[in-house]
Amino acid sequence: MPTRWMQIKGDPSIRAQLFDQERAESIFDTNIDRVHEIVLALFTAKGMFHTKIHYSSSQLTCWFARDPFCYEKFVREEVLEPGFLDRFPDADLAGRAALIDPDQTARILAEFRRLRLTDETLYLRNGAINLVNGMINMSFSCDGTQYIDHHSFFAQLDKFG
């Protein structure tokens, strides 16, 4: 598992306009706890090993162990529809070991919630979790991106807001 923390600064023009913007509430924002419950269920019971939650545009991108080379994309209300989880068969990680356990995953999602909703100017735009390699990816409104292993993420929480 990588044990490094990589920070990448994005487009300088976006960073220059940072304080002229404010987060617009998305469907995922108003239903963030439900979205996170769904993500946790996909991780623990449906064989998903990697996801990227696009909070700003209300998209969920998922990679499943049953077909790891192809991702699936779900948008807006589709994720929140009754029976959404029923479309996926119960599955595991196809013999792969998860480096991030369900309790840690729930804790990461709780931090994503905090990073998304705490500040209206500097906020999480999207967050990704990979159970198999233990990595977390986050992109922020300042167009900065962070790639960090989950152990370092937990140790460095005070650096994120």
N, C-alpha and C. Protein backbone atom coordinates (compact mmCIF):
# COMPACT_ATOMS: atom_id res chain seq x y z
N MET A 1 0.85 -1.18 0.00
CA MET A 1 0.00 0.00 0.00
C MET A 1 0.89 1.24 0.00
N PRO A 2 0.61 2.18 -0.88
CA PRO A 2 1.37 3.43 -0.85
C PRO A 2 1.20 4.13 0.50
N THR A 3 2.27 4.68 1.00
CA THR A 3 2.19 5.41 2.27
C THR A 3 2.63 6.84 2.05
N ARG A 4 2.25 7.38 0.97
CA ARG A 4 2.61 8.76 0.72
C ARG A 4 1.37 9.62 0.62
N TRP A 5 1.62 10.88 0.70
CA TRP A 5 0.55 11.86 0.61
C TRP A 5 0.95 12.82 -0.50
N MET A 6 0.19 12.84 -1.56
CA MET A 6 0.51 13.69 -2.69
C MET A 6 -0.56 14.77 -2.80
N GLN A 7 -0.10 16.01 -2.85
CA GLN A 7 -1.00 17.14 -3.02
C GLN A 7 -0.69 17.77 -4.38
N ILE A 8 -1.72 17.98 -5.17
CA ILE A 8 -1.54 18.55 -6.50
C ILE A 8 -2.38 19.82 -6.59
N LYS A 9 -1.72 20.92 -6.89
CA LYS A 9 -2.45 22.18 -7.08
C LYS A 9 -3.00 22.20 -8.50
N GLY A 10 -4.22 22.66 -8.62
CA GLY A 10 -4.89 22.68 -9.91
C GLY A 10 -4.72 24.00 -10.65
N ASP A 11 -5.71 24.35 -11.39
CA ASP A 11 -5.74 25.52 -12.24
C ASP A 11 -5.60 26.80 -11.41
N PRO A 12 -4.55 27.60 -11.66
CA PRO A 12 -4.37 28.84 -10.88
C PRO A 12 -5.53 29.83 -11.03
N SER A 13 -6.20 29.83 -12.18
CA SER A 13 -7.32 30.76 -12.36
C SER A 13 -8.50 30.39 -11.45
N ILE A 14 -8.68 29.10 -11.19
CA ILE A 14 -9.74 28.68 -10.26
C ILE A 14 -9.37 29.08 -8.85
N ARG A 15 -8.12 28.85 -8.48
CA ARG A 15 -7.68 29.24 -7.13
C ARG A 15 -7.78 30.74 -6.93
N ALA A 16 -7.52 31.51 -7.98
CA ALA A 16 -7.58 32.97 -7.87
C ALA A 16 -9.01 33.47 -7.61
N GLN A 17 -10.00 32.73 -8.07
CA GLN A 17 -11.40 33.12 -7.91
C GLN A 17 -12.09 32.42 -6.74
N LEU A 18 -11.32 31.71 -5.92
CA LEU A 18 -11.87 30.87 -4.86
C LEU A 18 -12.86 31.62 -3.97
N PHE A 19 -12.51 32.82 -3.54
CA PHE A 19 -13.35 33.53 -2.58
C PHE A 19 -14.50 34.29 -3.23
N ASP A 20 -14.63 34.15 -4.55
CA ASP A 20 -15.77 34.72 -5.27
C ASP A 20 -16.87 33.69 -5.49
N GLN A 21 -16.68 32.50 -4.98
CA GLN A 21 -17.65 31.43 -5.19
C GLN A 21 -18.24 30.96 -3.87
N GLU A 22 -19.33 30.27 -3.97
CA GLU A 22 -19.96 29.65 -2.80
C GLU A 22 -20.56 28.32 -3.26
N ARG A 23 -20.50 27.33 -2.41
CA ARG A 23 -21.02 26.00 -2.75
C ARG A 23 -22.51 26.07 -3.02
N ALA A 24 -22.93 25.49 -4.14
CA ALA A 24 -24.35 25.36 -4.46
C ALA A 24 -24.79 23.98 -3.97
N GLU A 25 -25.89 23.95 -3.24
CA GLU A 25 -26.36 22.69 -2.67
C GLU A 25 -26.82 21.74 -3.78
N SER A 26 -26.35 20.51 -3.70
CA SER A 26 -26.71 19.48 -4.68
C SER A 26 -27.68 18.48 -4.06
N ILE A 27 -28.21 17.61 -4.89
CA ILE A 27 -29.09 16.54 -4.41
C ILE A 27 -28.34 15.64 -3.44
N PHE A 28 -27.06 15.36 -3.74
CA PHE A 28 -26.27 14.54 -2.82
C PHE A 28 -26.03 15.26 -1.50
N ASP A 29 -25.92 16.58 -1.51
CA ASP A 29 -25.75 17.32 -0.26
C ASP A 29 -26.97 17.17 0.64
N THR A 30 -28.15 17.33 0.07
CA THR A 30 -29.36 17.27 0.89
C THR A 30 -29.67 15.85 1.36
N ASN A 31 -29.05 14.87 0.72
CA ASN A 31 -29.26 13.46 1.08
C ASN A 31 -27.95 12.77 1.42
N ILE A 32 -26.98 13.52 1.94
CA ILE A 32 -25.63 12.99 2.10
C ILE A 32 -25.57 11.76 3.01
N ASP A 33 -26.34 11.73 4.06
CA ASP A 33 -26.31 10.57 4.95
C ASP A 33 -26.84 9.32 4.24
N ARG A 34 -27.89 9.48 3.46
CA ARG A 34 -28.44 8.35 2.70
C ARG A 34 -27.45 7.90 1.63
N VAL A 35 -26.83 8.84 0.92
CA VAL A 35 -25.82 8.49 -0.09
C VAL A 35 -24.71 7.68 0.56
N HIS A 36 -24.26 8.11 1.73
CA HIS A 36 -23.18 7.39 2.41
C HIS A 36 -23.63 6.01 2.89
N GLU A 37 -24.87 5.86 3.31
CA GLU A 37 -25.40 4.54 3.68
C GLU A 37 -25.37 3.60 2.46
N ILE A 38 -25.74 4.13 1.32
CA ILE A 38 -25.75 3.34 0.08
C ILE A 38 -24.32 2.94 -0.29
N VAL A 39 -23.40 3.89 -0.22
CA VAL A 39 -21.99 3.59 -0.53
C VAL A 39 -21.46 2.52 0.40
N LEU A 40 -21.74 2.64 1.67
CA LEU A 40 -21.26 1.64 2.64
C LEU A 40 -21.85 0.26 2.34
N ALA A 41 -23.12 0.21 1.97
CA ALA A 41 -23.75 -1.07 1.61
C ALA A 41 -23.12 -1.66 0.35
N LEU A 42 -22.82 -0.83 -0.63
CA LEU A 42 -22.16 -1.31 -1.84
C LEU A 42 -20.79 -1.90 -1.52
N PHE A 43 -20.06 -1.23 -0.63
CA PHE A 43 -18.74 -1.73 -0.21
C PHE A 43 -18.85 -3.04 0.57
N THR A 44 -19.78 -3.13 1.49
CA THR A 44 -19.80 -4.26 2.42
C THR A 44 -20.56 -5.47 1.90
N ALA A 45 -21.50 -5.29 0.98
CA ALA A 45 -22.34 -6.42 0.59
C ALA A 45 -22.46 -6.65 -0.92
N LYS A 46 -22.00 -5.71 -1.73
CA LYS A 46 -22.26 -5.83 -3.17
C LYS A 46 -20.99 -5.95 -4.02
N GLY A 47 -19.83 -6.09 -3.39
CA GLY A 47 -18.60 -6.32 -4.14
C GLY A 47 -17.96 -5.10 -4.76
N MET A 48 -18.38 -3.91 -4.36
CA MET A 48 -17.72 -2.70 -4.85
C MET A 48 -16.41 -2.54 -4.09
N PHE A 49 -15.32 -2.28 -4.82
CA PHE A 49 -14.03 -2.08 -4.15
C PHE A 49 -13.51 -0.66 -4.28
N HIS A 50 -14.09 0.12 -5.19
CA HIS A 50 -13.64 1.50 -5.40
C HIS A 50 -14.85 2.34 -5.79
N THR A 51 -14.91 3.54 -5.23
CA THR A 51 -15.97 4.46 -5.64
C THR A 51 -15.43 5.88 -5.64
N LYS A 52 -16.06 6.69 -6.47
CA LYS A 52 -15.82 8.13 -6.46
C LYS A 52 -17.18 8.79 -6.33
N ILE A 53 -17.34 9.58 -5.27
CA ILE A 53 -18.59 10.29 -5.01
C ILE A 53 -18.40 11.73 -5.48
N HIS A 54 -19.13 12.11 -6.50
CA HIS A 54 -19.08 13.47 -7.05
C HIS A 54 -20.21 14.25 -6.38
N TYR A 55 -19.89 14.92 -5.29
CA TYR A 55 -20.92 15.62 -4.52
C TYR A 55 -21.53 16.77 -5.31
N SER A 56 -20.71 17.56 -5.98
CA SER A 56 -21.22 18.75 -6.67
C SER A 56 -22.19 18.41 -7.79
N SER A 57 -21.90 17.35 -8.55
CA SER A 57 -22.76 16.99 -9.68
C SER A 57 -23.66 15.79 -9.38
N SER A 58 -23.63 15.29 -8.14
CA SER A 58 -24.48 14.18 -7.71
C SER A 58 -24.33 12.95 -8.61
N GLN A 59 -23.08 12.50 -8.72
CA GLN A 59 -22.78 11.28 -9.47
C GLN A 59 -22.06 10.30 -8.56
N LEU A 60 -22.31 9.04 -8.79
CA LEU A 60 -21.61 7.99 -8.07
C LEU A 60 -20.98 7.07 -9.11
N THR A 61 -19.65 6.96 -9.09
CA THR A 61 -18.93 6.08 -10.00
C THR A 61 -18.43 4.90 -9.19
N CYS A 62 -18.71 3.68 -9.67
CA CYS A 62 -18.42 2.46 -8.90
C CYS A 62 -17.63 1.46 -9.73
N TRP A 63 -16.67 0.82 -9.08
CA TRP A 63 -15.93 -0.30 -9.66
C TRP A 63 -16.23 -1.52 -8.80
N PHE A 64 -16.67 -2.61 -9.45
CA PHE A 64 -17.04 -3.84 -8.76
C PHE A 64 -16.03 -4.94 -9.07
N ALA A 65 -15.80 -5.82 -8.10
CA ALA A 65 -14.84 -6.92 -8.27
C ALA A 65 -15.28 -7.87 -9.39
N ARG A 66 -16.57 -7.98 -9.66
CA ARG A 66 -17.05 -8.89 -10.69
C ARG A 66 -16.64 -8.45 -12.10
N ASP A 67 -16.32 -7.17 -12.28
CA ASP A 67 -15.90 -6.64 -13.58
C ASP A 67 -15.02 -5.41 -13.33
N PRO A 68 -13.81 -5.62 -12.81
CA PRO A 68 -13.01 -4.49 -12.32
C PRO A 68 -12.49 -3.53 -13.38
N PHE A 69 -12.54 -3.93 -14.65
CA PHE A 69 -12.02 -3.05 -15.70
C PHE A 69 -13.06 -2.07 -16.22
N CYS A 70 -14.29 -2.23 -15.80
CA CYS A 70 -15.37 -1.36 -16.25
C CYS A 70 -16.04 -0.71 -15.05
N TYR A 71 -16.15 0.61 -15.09
CA TYR A 71 -16.85 1.29 -14.00
C TYR A 71 -18.31 1.49 -14.40
N GLU A 72 -19.13 1.72 -13.39
CA GLU A 72 -20.53 2.02 -13.61
C GLU A 72 -20.82 3.38 -13.00
N LYS A 73 -21.62 4.18 -13.70
CA LYS A 73 -21.93 5.54 -13.27
C LYS A 73 -23.42 5.65 -13.00
N PHE A 74 -23.75 6.25 -11.85
CA PHE A 74 -25.15 6.45 -11.46
C PHE A 74 -25.31 7.92 -11.10
N VAL A 75 -26.43 8.51 -11.49
CA VAL A 75 -26.58 9.96 -11.33
C VAL A 75 -27.84 10.33 -10.55
N ARG A 76 -27.69 11.40 -9.82
CA ARG A 76 -28.74 12.12 -9.10
C ARG A 76 -29.75 11.22 -8.41
N GLU A 77 -31.02 11.38 -8.73
CA GLU A 77 -32.09 10.67 -8.05
C GLU A 77 -32.00 9.16 -8.20
N GLU A 78 -31.38 8.69 -9.28
CA GLU A 78 -31.25 7.25 -9.52
C GLU A 78 -30.64 6.55 -8.31
N VAL A 79 -29.63 7.16 -7.70
CA VAL A 79 -28.95 6.57 -6.55
C VAL A 79 -29.88 6.47 -5.35
N LEU A 80 -30.80 7.41 -5.24
CA LEU A 80 -31.68 7.50 -4.08
C LEU A 80 -33.01 6.77 -4.25
N GLU A 81 -33.24 6.20 -5.43
CA GLU A 81 -34.50 5.50 -5.68
C GLU A 81 -34.63 4.28 -4.78
N PRO A 82 -35.86 4.00 -4.32
CA PRO A 82 -36.06 2.75 -3.56
C PRO A 82 -35.65 1.56 -4.43
N GLY A 83 -34.98 0.62 -3.84
CA GLY A 83 -34.56 -0.56 -4.58
C GLY A 83 -33.26 -0.43 -5.34
N PHE A 84 -32.60 0.72 -5.24
CA PHE A 84 -31.34 0.91 -5.97
C PHE A 84 -30.35 -0.21 -5.66
N LEU A 85 -30.20 -0.55 -4.40
CA LEU A 85 -29.23 -1.59 -4.01
C LEU A 85 -29.65 -2.98 -4.50
N ASP A 86 -30.93 -3.19 -4.73
CA ASP A 86 -31.43 -4.50 -5.15
C ASP A 86 -30.95 -4.88 -6.55
N ARG A 87 -30.53 -3.92 -7.35
CA ARG A 87 -30.08 -4.23 -8.71
C ARG A 87 -28.71 -4.92 -8.72
N PHE A 88 -28.02 -4.89 -7.58
CA PHE A 88 -26.69 -5.47 -7.49
C PHE A 88 -26.74 -6.80 -6.75
N PRO A 89 -26.12 -7.84 -7.30
CA PRO A 89 -26.10 -9.11 -6.56
C PRO A 89 -25.21 -9.00 -5.33
N ASP A 90 -25.53 -9.79 -4.33
CA ASP A 90 -24.64 -9.87 -3.17
C ASP A 90 -23.31 -10.43 -3.66
N ALA A 91 -22.22 -9.84 -3.23
CA ALA A 91 -20.90 -10.26 -3.71
C ALA A 91 -19.84 -9.81 -2.71
N ASP A 92 -18.66 -10.42 -2.87
CA ASP A 92 -17.51 -10.01 -2.06
C ASP A 92 -16.47 -9.40 -3.00
N LEU A 93 -15.25 -9.32 -2.55
CA LEU A 93 -14.19 -8.70 -3.34
C LEU A 93 -13.43 -9.72 -4.20
N ALA A 94 -14.04 -10.85 -4.47
CA ALA A 94 -13.49 -11.87 -5.37
C ALA A 94 -12.09 -12.31 -4.93
N GLY A 95 -11.95 -12.57 -3.64
CA GLY A 95 -10.69 -13.08 -3.13
C GLY A 95 -9.67 -12.04 -2.74
N ARG A 96 -9.96 -10.79 -3.01
CA ARG A 96 -9.03 -9.71 -2.62
C ARG A 96 -9.32 -9.30 -1.19
N ALA A 97 -8.29 -8.90 -0.49
CA ALA A 97 -8.45 -8.44 0.89
C ALA A 97 -8.60 -6.93 0.91
N ALA A 98 -9.54 -6.46 1.69
CA ALA A 98 -9.74 -5.01 1.86
C ALA A 98 -8.75 -4.49 2.90
N LEU A 99 -8.04 -3.43 2.56
CA LEU A 99 -7.15 -2.78 3.52
C LEU A 99 -7.90 -1.81 4.42
N ILE A 100 -9.09 -1.39 3.97
CA ILE A 100 -9.93 -0.48 4.75
C ILE A 100 -11.16 -1.27 5.19
N ASP A 101 -11.35 -1.38 6.50
CA ASP A 101 -12.49 -2.16 7.00
C ASP A 101 -13.76 -1.30 7.04
N PRO A 102 -14.92 -1.91 7.27
CA PRO A 102 -16.18 -1.15 7.25
C PRO A 102 -16.23 0.00 8.26
N ASP A 103 -15.67 -0.18 9.45
CA ASP A 103 -15.67 0.92 10.43
C ASP A 103 -14.82 2.09 9.93
N GLN A 104 -13.67 1.79 9.34
CA GLN A 104 -12.82 2.85 8.80
C GLN A 104 -13.51 3.53 7.61
N THR A 105 -14.19 2.74 6.80
CA THR A 105 -14.91 3.31 5.66
C THR A 105 -15.98 4.28 6.14
N ALA A 106 -16.73 3.90 7.16
CA ALA A 106 -17.75 4.79 7.72
C ALA A 106 -17.12 6.06 8.26
N ARG A 107 -15.96 5.92 8.88
CA ARG A 107 -15.26 7.10 9.41
C ARG A 107 -14.78 8.02 8.28
N ILE A 108 -14.28 7.44 7.20
CA ILE A 108 -13.87 8.24 6.04
C ILE A 108 -15.08 8.99 5.48
N LEU A 109 -16.19 8.30 5.32
CA LEU A 109 -17.40 8.95 4.80
C LEU A 109 -17.87 10.07 5.72
N ALA A 110 -17.75 9.89 7.02
CA ALA A 110 -18.11 10.96 7.97
C ALA A 110 -17.20 12.17 7.78
N GLU A 111 -15.93 11.93 7.52
CA GLU A 111 -15.01 13.05 7.25
C GLU A 111 -15.33 13.70 5.92
N PHE A 112 -15.70 12.91 4.91
CA PHE A 112 -16.12 13.50 3.64
C PHE A 112 -17.32 14.41 3.87
N ARG A 113 -18.25 14.00 4.70
CA ARG A 113 -19.43 14.82 5.02
C ARG A 113 -18.99 16.14 5.63
N ARG A 114 -18.10 16.07 6.60
CA ARG A 114 -17.61 17.28 7.26
C ARG A 114 -16.91 18.19 6.26
N LEU A 115 -16.05 17.62 5.41
CA LEU A 115 -15.31 18.41 4.44
C LEU A 115 -16.20 19.00 3.36
N ARG A 116 -17.31 18.36 3.10
CA ARG A 116 -18.24 18.86 2.09
C ARG A 116 -19.12 19.99 2.64
N LEU A 117 -19.59 19.86 3.88
CA LEU A 117 -20.64 20.75 4.37
C LEU A 117 -20.20 21.84 5.35
N THR A 118 -18.99 21.78 5.87
CA THR A 118 -18.57 22.71 6.92
C THR A 118 -18.33 24.12 6.41
N ASP A 119 -17.73 24.26 5.24
CA ASP A 119 -17.34 25.58 4.73
C ASP A 119 -17.98 25.78 3.36
N GLU A 120 -18.61 26.92 3.15
CA GLU A 120 -19.30 27.19 1.89
C GLU A 120 -18.36 27.66 0.78
N THR A 121 -17.11 27.99 1.12
CA THR A 121 -16.16 28.47 0.12
C THR A 121 -15.12 27.42 -0.23
N LEU A 122 -14.53 26.83 0.77
CA LEU A 122 -13.51 25.80 0.56
C LEU A 122 -14.12 24.46 0.99
N TYR A 123 -14.46 23.62 0.03
CA TYR A 123 -15.23 22.41 0.31
C TYR A 123 -14.81 21.27 -0.61
N LEU A 124 -15.15 20.08 -0.20
CA LEU A 124 -14.89 18.87 -0.96
C LEU A 124 -15.83 18.82 -2.17
N ARG A 125 -15.27 18.68 -3.36
CA ARG A 125 -16.10 18.51 -4.56
C ARG A 125 -16.37 17.04 -4.82
N ASN A 126 -15.33 16.21 -4.66
CA ASN A 126 -15.52 14.78 -4.82
C ASN A 126 -14.50 14.03 -3.98
N GLY A 127 -14.88 12.82 -3.61
CA GLY A 127 -14.00 11.97 -2.82
C GLY A 127 -14.07 10.55 -3.31
N ALA A 128 -12.93 9.86 -3.28
CA ALA A 128 -12.86 8.48 -3.73
C ALA A 128 -12.22 7.62 -2.66
N ILE A 129 -12.66 6.38 -2.59
CA ILE A 129 -12.11 5.40 -1.65
C ILE A 129 -11.85 4.12 -2.42
N ASN A 130 -10.65 3.54 -2.24
CA ASN A 130 -10.33 2.23 -2.81
C ASN A 130 -10.00 1.29 -1.67
N LEU A 131 -10.87 0.31 -1.44
CA LEU A 131 -10.68 -0.63 -0.33
C LEU A 131 -9.45 -1.50 -0.51
N VAL A 132 -9.14 -1.87 -1.74
CA VAL A 132 -8.08 -2.84 -2.01
C VAL A 132 -6.69 -2.23 -1.86
N ASN A 133 -6.48 -1.02 -2.35
CA ASN A 133 -5.15 -0.42 -2.20
C ASN A 133 -5.07 0.56 -1.03
N GLY A 134 -6.18 0.81 -0.36
CA GLY A 134 -6.18 1.64 0.84
C GLY A 134 -6.04 3.13 0.59
N MET A 135 -6.25 3.56 -0.65
CA MET A 135 -6.04 4.97 -0.98
C MET A 135 -7.35 5.76 -0.99
N ILE A 136 -7.20 7.04 -0.66
CA ILE A 136 -8.29 8.01 -0.67
C ILE A 136 -7.87 9.14 -1.61
N ASN A 137 -8.81 9.63 -2.38
CA ASN A 137 -8.57 10.75 -3.29
C ASN A 137 -9.64 11.79 -3.01
N MET A 138 -9.23 13.04 -2.91
CA MET A 138 -10.18 14.12 -2.67
C MET A 138 -9.84 15.31 -3.56
N SER A 139 -10.86 15.92 -4.15
CA SER A 139 -10.69 17.16 -4.90
C SER A 139 -11.54 18.23 -4.24
N PHE A 140 -10.97 19.41 -4.15
CA PHE A 140 -11.61 20.50 -3.43
C PHE A 140 -11.97 21.66 -4.35
N SER A 141 -12.78 22.57 -3.86
CA SER A 141 -13.24 23.72 -4.63
C SER A 141 -12.10 24.62 -5.08
N CYS A 142 -10.97 24.56 -4.43
CA CYS A 142 -9.81 25.36 -4.83
C CYS A 142 -9.07 24.71 -5.99
N ASP A 143 -9.61 23.61 -6.52
CA ASP A 143 -9.05 22.82 -7.61
C ASP A 143 -7.80 22.07 -7.16
N GLY A 144 -7.64 21.91 -5.87
CA GLY A 144 -6.55 21.09 -5.34
C GLY A 144 -7.01 19.66 -5.18
N THR A 145 -6.08 18.74 -5.36
CA THR A 145 -6.37 17.32 -5.24
C THR A 145 -5.40 16.69 -4.26
N GLN A 146 -5.91 15.78 -3.46
CA GLN A 146 -5.10 15.06 -2.47
C GLN A 146 -5.23 13.56 -2.74
N TYR A 147 -4.09 12.87 -2.79
CA TYR A 147 -4.05 11.41 -2.83
C TYR A 147 -3.34 11.00 -1.55
N ILE A 148 -4.01 10.19 -0.74
CA ILE A 148 -3.45 9.88 0.57
C ILE A 148 -3.88 8.48 1.00
N ASP A 149 -2.94 7.74 1.61
CA ASP A 149 -3.33 6.43 2.12
C ASP A 149 -4.20 6.64 3.36
N HIS A 150 -5.03 5.66 3.66
CA HIS A 150 -6.02 5.84 4.72
C HIS A 150 -5.40 6.01 6.10
N HIS A 151 -4.25 5.40 6.37
CA HIS A 151 -3.60 5.59 7.68
C HIS A 151 -3.15 7.05 7.84
N SER A 152 -2.54 7.60 6.80
CA SER A 152 -2.10 9.00 6.85
C SER A 152 -3.30 9.93 6.92
N PHE A 153 -4.37 9.59 6.22
CA PHE A 153 -5.59 10.40 6.26
C PHE A 153 -6.09 10.54 7.69
N PHE A 154 -6.19 9.41 8.40
CA PHE A 154 -6.67 9.46 9.78
C PHE A 154 -5.70 10.23 10.67
N ALA A 155 -4.41 10.10 10.42
CA ALA A 155 -3.41 10.79 11.24
C ALA A 155 -3.35 12.28 10.95
N GLN A 156 -3.81 12.70 9.77
CA GLN A 156 -3.68 14.10 9.35
C GLN A 156 -5.02 14.83 9.25
N LEU A 157 -6.04 14.35 9.91
CA LEU A 157 -7.37 14.96 9.78
C LEU A 157 -7.38 16.45 10.10
N ASP A 158 -6.53 16.87 11.00
CA ASP A 158 -6.49 18.29 11.36
C ASP A 158 -6.01 19.17 10.21
N LYS A 159 -5.41 18.58 9.18
CA LYS A 159 -4.92 19.35 8.03
C LYS A 159 -6.04 19.64 7.03
N PHE A 160 -7.17 18.95 7.18
CA PHE A 160 -8.28 19.10 6.25
C PHE A 160 -9.42 19.86 6.92
N GLY A 161 -9.29 21.15 7.01
CA GLY A 161 -10.37 21.96 7.58
C GLY A 161 -10.29 21.99 9.04
